[in-house]
Amino acid sequence: MVNDKLKQVCTCRELQEARFLIRHIRFKNQPVSAIIFAFEGIAYAYVNQCMHMRRPLNCEQDAIFDQTGKYLRCSMHGFIFDPKTGECQSPVCFGQRLQSLRLEEIDDILYFAEKHLALID
């Protein structure tokens, strides 16, 4: 049985078939979007907002990874982030992190497992 505090994100198959997914959420009472992606076979989710100018990572291009596929990349200024930790690798914001969102997988379905998160239709 699924905990009623979990919010369904997608099926694992949907995530495997997509480069990334965007979900509109309210996090800590702020309307934002979340990026959900798989990296090295593990699902990750972050608030889709670069700390430099508070823009979505995919604001200029429909992509969230750099050309190598090893780093998340803000399409506005090219800042790169470790996809496993969300830590910025670019000098201006080095060491700062994207806001991670906990995911839980139950029966091949991914759920947000965050207390201060609500899905926006």
C-alpha atoms as a PDB file:
ATOM      1  CA  MET A   1       0.000   0.000   0.000  1.00  0.00           C
ATOM      2  CA  VAL A   2       1.257   3.474  -0.915  1.00  0.00           C
ATOM      3  CA  ASN A   3       1.657   6.096   1.802  1.00  0.00           C
ATOM      4  CA  ASP A   4      -0.896   8.876   1.243  1.00  0.00           C
ATOM      5  CA  LYS A   5       1.849  11.486   1.769  1.00  0.00           C
ATOM      6  CA  LEU A   6       3.655  10.305  -1.368  1.00  0.00           C
ATOM      7  CA  LYS A   7       2.902  12.134  -4.622  1.00  0.00           C
ATOM      8  CA  GLN A   8       3.087  10.111  -7.821  1.00  0.00           C
ATOM      9  CA  VAL A   9       5.646  11.421 -10.325  1.00  0.00           C
ATOM     10  CA  CYS A  10       5.737   8.844 -13.121  1.00  0.00           C
ATOM     11  CA  THR A  11       6.309   5.211 -13.891  1.00  0.00           C
ATOM     12  CA  CYS A  12       9.869   3.964 -14.137  1.00  0.00           C
ATOM     13  CA  ARG A  13       9.197   3.142 -17.786  1.00  0.00           C
ATOM     14  CA  GLU A  14       8.143   6.738 -18.539  1.00  0.00           C
ATOM     15  CA  LEU A  15      11.403   7.973 -17.047  1.00  0.00           C
ATOM     16  CA  GLN A  16      13.464   5.435 -19.015  1.00  0.00           C
ATOM     17  CA  GLU A  17      11.835   6.589 -22.260  1.00  0.00           C
ATOM     18  CA  ALA A  18      12.388  10.316 -21.610  1.00  0.00           C
ATOM     19  CA  ARG A  19      15.583  12.378 -21.430  1.00  0.00           C
ATOM     20  CA  PHE A  20      14.001  14.095 -18.442  1.00  0.00           C
ATOM     21  CA  LEU A  21      10.580  14.984 -17.097  1.00  0.00           C
ATOM     22  CA  ILE A  22       9.233  18.251 -15.750  1.00  0.00           C
ATOM     23  CA  ARG A  23       6.536  18.380 -13.081  1.00  0.00           C
ATOM     24  CA  HIS A  24       4.944  21.567 -11.789  1.00  0.00           C
ATOM     25  CA  ILE A  25       4.990  21.600  -8.020  1.00  0.00           C
ATOM     26  CA  ARG A  26       4.545  23.827  -5.024  1.00  0.00           C
ATOM     27  CA  PHE A  27       7.629  23.427  -2.818  1.00  0.00           C
ATOM     28  CA  LYS A  28       7.746  25.227   0.520  1.00  0.00           C
ATOM     29  CA  ASN A  29       4.725  27.243  -0.666  1.00  0.00           C
ATOM     30  CA  GLN A  30       6.468  28.432  -3.860  1.00  0.00           C
ATOM     31  CA  PRO A  31       5.286  27.412  -7.355  1.00  0.00           C
ATOM     32  CA  VAL A  32       8.276  25.922  -9.187  1.00  0.00           C
ATOM     33  CA  SER A  33       9.016  23.057 -11.516  1.00  0.00           C
ATOM     34  CA  ALA A  34      10.911  19.891 -10.750  1.00  0.00           C
ATOM     35  CA  ILE A  35      13.260  18.045 -13.078  1.00  0.00           C
ATOM     36  CA  ILE A  36      13.283  14.267 -12.857  1.00  0.00           C
ATOM     37  CA  PHE A  37      15.869  12.215 -14.728  1.00  0.00           C
ATOM     38  CA  ALA A  38      17.805   8.976 -14.619  1.00  0.00           C
ATOM     39  CA  PHE A  39      21.586   9.053 -14.383  1.00  0.00           C
ATOM     40  CA  GLU A  40      23.605   5.843 -14.368  1.00  0.00           C
ATOM     41  CA  GLY A  41      20.382   3.917 -13.753  1.00  0.00           C
ATOM     42  CA  ILE A  42      19.279   5.918 -10.700  1.00  0.00           C
ATOM     43  CA  ALA A  43      16.380   8.386 -10.607  1.00  0.00           C
ATOM     44  CA  TYR A  44      17.056  11.913  -9.318  1.00  0.00           C
ATOM     45  CA  ALA A  45      14.867  14.972  -8.835  1.00  0.00           C
ATOM     46  CA  TYR A  46      15.719  18.612  -8.195  1.00  0.00           C
ATOM     47  CA  VAL A  47      13.869  21.886  -8.057  1.00  0.00           C
ATOM     48  CA  ASN A  48      14.411  23.124 -11.610  1.00  0.00           C
ATOM     49  CA  GLN A  49      16.135  26.359 -10.681  1.00  0.00           C
ATOM     50  CA  CYS A  50      19.743  27.413 -11.167  1.00  0.00           C
ATOM     51  CA  MET A  51      20.948  29.324  -8.110  1.00  0.00           C
ATOM     52  CA  HIS A  52      22.682  31.956 -10.252  1.00  0.00           C
ATOM     53  CA  MET A  53      19.589  33.705 -11.632  1.00  0.00           C
ATOM     54  CA  ARG A  54      16.756  31.436 -10.441  1.00  0.00           C
ATOM     55  CA  ARG A  55      15.978  30.271 -13.981  1.00  0.00           C
ATOM     56  CA  PRO A  56      14.998  26.717 -14.986  1.00  0.00           C
ATOM     57  CA  LEU A  57      17.938  24.671 -16.231  1.00  0.00           C
ATOM     58  CA  ASN A  58      16.097  24.137 -19.519  1.00  0.00           C
ATOM     59  CA  CYS A  59      14.982  27.787 -19.962  1.00  0.00           C
ATOM     60  CA  GLU A  60      16.928  28.331 -23.226  1.00  0.00           C
ATOM     61  CA  GLN A  61      17.062  24.779 -24.612  1.00  0.00           C
ATOM     62  CA  ASP A  62      15.007  21.633 -24.190  1.00  0.00           C
ATOM     63  CA  ALA A  63      17.914  19.896 -22.454  1.00  0.00           C
ATOM     64  CA  ILE A  64      19.317  19.589 -18.940  1.00  0.00           C
ATOM     65  CA  PHE A  65      22.626  17.804 -19.618  1.00  0.00           C
ATOM     66  CA  ASP A  66      25.806  19.186 -21.149  1.00  0.00           C
ATOM     67  CA  GLN A  67      27.245  17.785 -24.402  1.00  0.00           C
ATOM     68  CA  THR A  68      29.162  15.045 -22.565  1.00  0.00           C
ATOM     69  CA  GLY A  69      26.082  13.792 -20.726  1.00  0.00           C
ATOM     70  CA  LYS A  70      28.086  13.823 -17.477  1.00  0.00           C
ATOM     71  CA  TYR A  71      26.815  17.082 -15.969  1.00  0.00           C
ATOM     72  CA  LEU A  72      23.532  18.904 -15.570  1.00  0.00           C
ATOM     73  CA  ARG A  73      23.788  22.257 -17.330  1.00  0.00           C
ATOM     74  CA  CYS A  74      21.891  25.519 -17.046  1.00  0.00           C
ATOM     75  CA  SER A  75      21.116  26.480 -20.626  1.00  0.00           C
ATOM     76  CA  MET A  76      21.198  30.216 -19.852  1.00  0.00           C
ATOM     77  CA  HIS A  77      24.809  30.664 -18.691  1.00  0.00           C
ATOM     78  CA  GLY A  78      26.275  27.168 -18.980  1.00  0.00           C
ATOM     79  CA  PHE A  79      26.793  26.497 -15.276  1.00  0.00           C
ATOM     80  CA  ILE A  80      27.280  22.776 -14.681  1.00  0.00           C
ATOM     81  CA  PHE A  81      26.200  20.593 -11.775  1.00  0.00           C
ATOM     82  CA  ASP A  82      27.005  17.087 -10.567  1.00  0.00           C
ATOM     83  CA  PRO A  83      23.829  15.110 -11.373  1.00  0.00           C
ATOM     84  CA  LYS A  84      24.261  12.883  -8.287  1.00  0.00           C
ATOM     85  CA  THR A  85      24.605  15.676  -5.733  1.00  0.00           C
ATOM     86  CA  GLY A  86      23.367  18.833  -7.497  1.00  0.00           C
ATOM     87  CA  GLU A  87      26.637  20.568  -6.542  1.00  0.00           C
ATOM     88  CA  CYS A  88      27.673  23.395  -8.864  1.00  0.00           C
ATOM     89  CA  GLN A  89      31.039  22.870 -10.559  1.00  0.00           C
ATOM     90  CA  SER A  90      31.240  26.362 -12.093  1.00  0.00           C
ATOM     91  CA  PRO A  91      33.371  29.042 -10.367  1.00  0.00           C
ATOM     92  CA  VAL A  92      30.638  31.650  -9.734  1.00  0.00           C
ATOM     93  CA  CYS A  93      28.480  29.287  -7.629  1.00  0.00           C
ATOM     94  CA  PHE A  94      31.025  26.537  -6.881  1.00  0.00           C
ATOM     95  CA  GLY A  95      29.885  24.317  -4.033  1.00  0.00           C
ATOM     96  CA  GLN A  96      26.302  25.556  -3.930  1.00  0.00           C
ATOM     97  CA  ARG A  97      23.694  22.888  -4.632  1.00  0.00           C
ATOM     98  CA  LEU A  98      20.455  22.531  -6.489  1.00  0.00           C
ATOM     99  CA  GLN A  99      17.564  21.757  -4.128  1.00  0.00           C
ATOM    100  CA  SER A 100      17.184  17.973  -4.206  1.00  0.00           C
ATOM    101  CA  LEU A 101      13.792  16.308  -3.958  1.00  0.00           C
ATOM    102  CA  ARG A 102      13.480  12.855  -2.441  1.00  0.00           C
ATOM    103  CA  LEU A 103      12.053  10.130  -4.620  1.00  0.00           C
ATOM    104  CA  GLU A 104      10.721   6.764  -3.571  1.00  0.00           C
ATOM    105  CA  GLU A 105      10.071   3.840  -5.899  1.00  0.00           C
ATOM    106  CA  ILE A 106       7.206   1.452  -5.176  1.00  0.00           C
ATOM    107  CA  ASP A 107       6.116  -1.205  -7.680  1.00  0.00           C
ATOM    108  CA  ASP A 108       7.858   0.524 -10.616  1.00  0.00           C
ATOM    109  CA  ILE A 109       6.261   3.886  -9.850  1.00  0.00           C
ATOM    110  CA  LEU A 110       8.246   6.910  -8.664  1.00  0.00           C
ATOM    111  CA  TYR A 111       6.827   9.188  -5.993  1.00  0.00           C
ATOM    112  CA  PHE A 112       7.966  12.449  -4.466  1.00  0.00           C
ATOM    113  CA  ALA A 113       8.602  11.756  -0.773  1.00  0.00           C
ATOM    114  CA  GLU A 114       8.746  15.366   0.416  1.00  0.00           C
ATOM    115  CA  LYS A 115       6.645  16.773   3.231  1.00  0.00           C
ATOM    116  CA  HIS A 116       6.626  20.347   1.857  1.00  0.00           C
ATOM    117  CA  LEU A 117       5.709  19.467  -1.728  1.00  0.00           C
ATOM    118  CA  ALA A 118       2.392  19.449  -3.575  1.00  0.00           C
ATOM    119  CA  LEU A 119       1.745  18.665  -7.213  1.00  0.00           C
ATOM    120  CA  ILE A 120       0.170  21.385  -9.338  1.00  0.00           C
ATOM    121  CA  ASP A 121      -2.170  20.143 -12.050  1.00  0.00           C
END
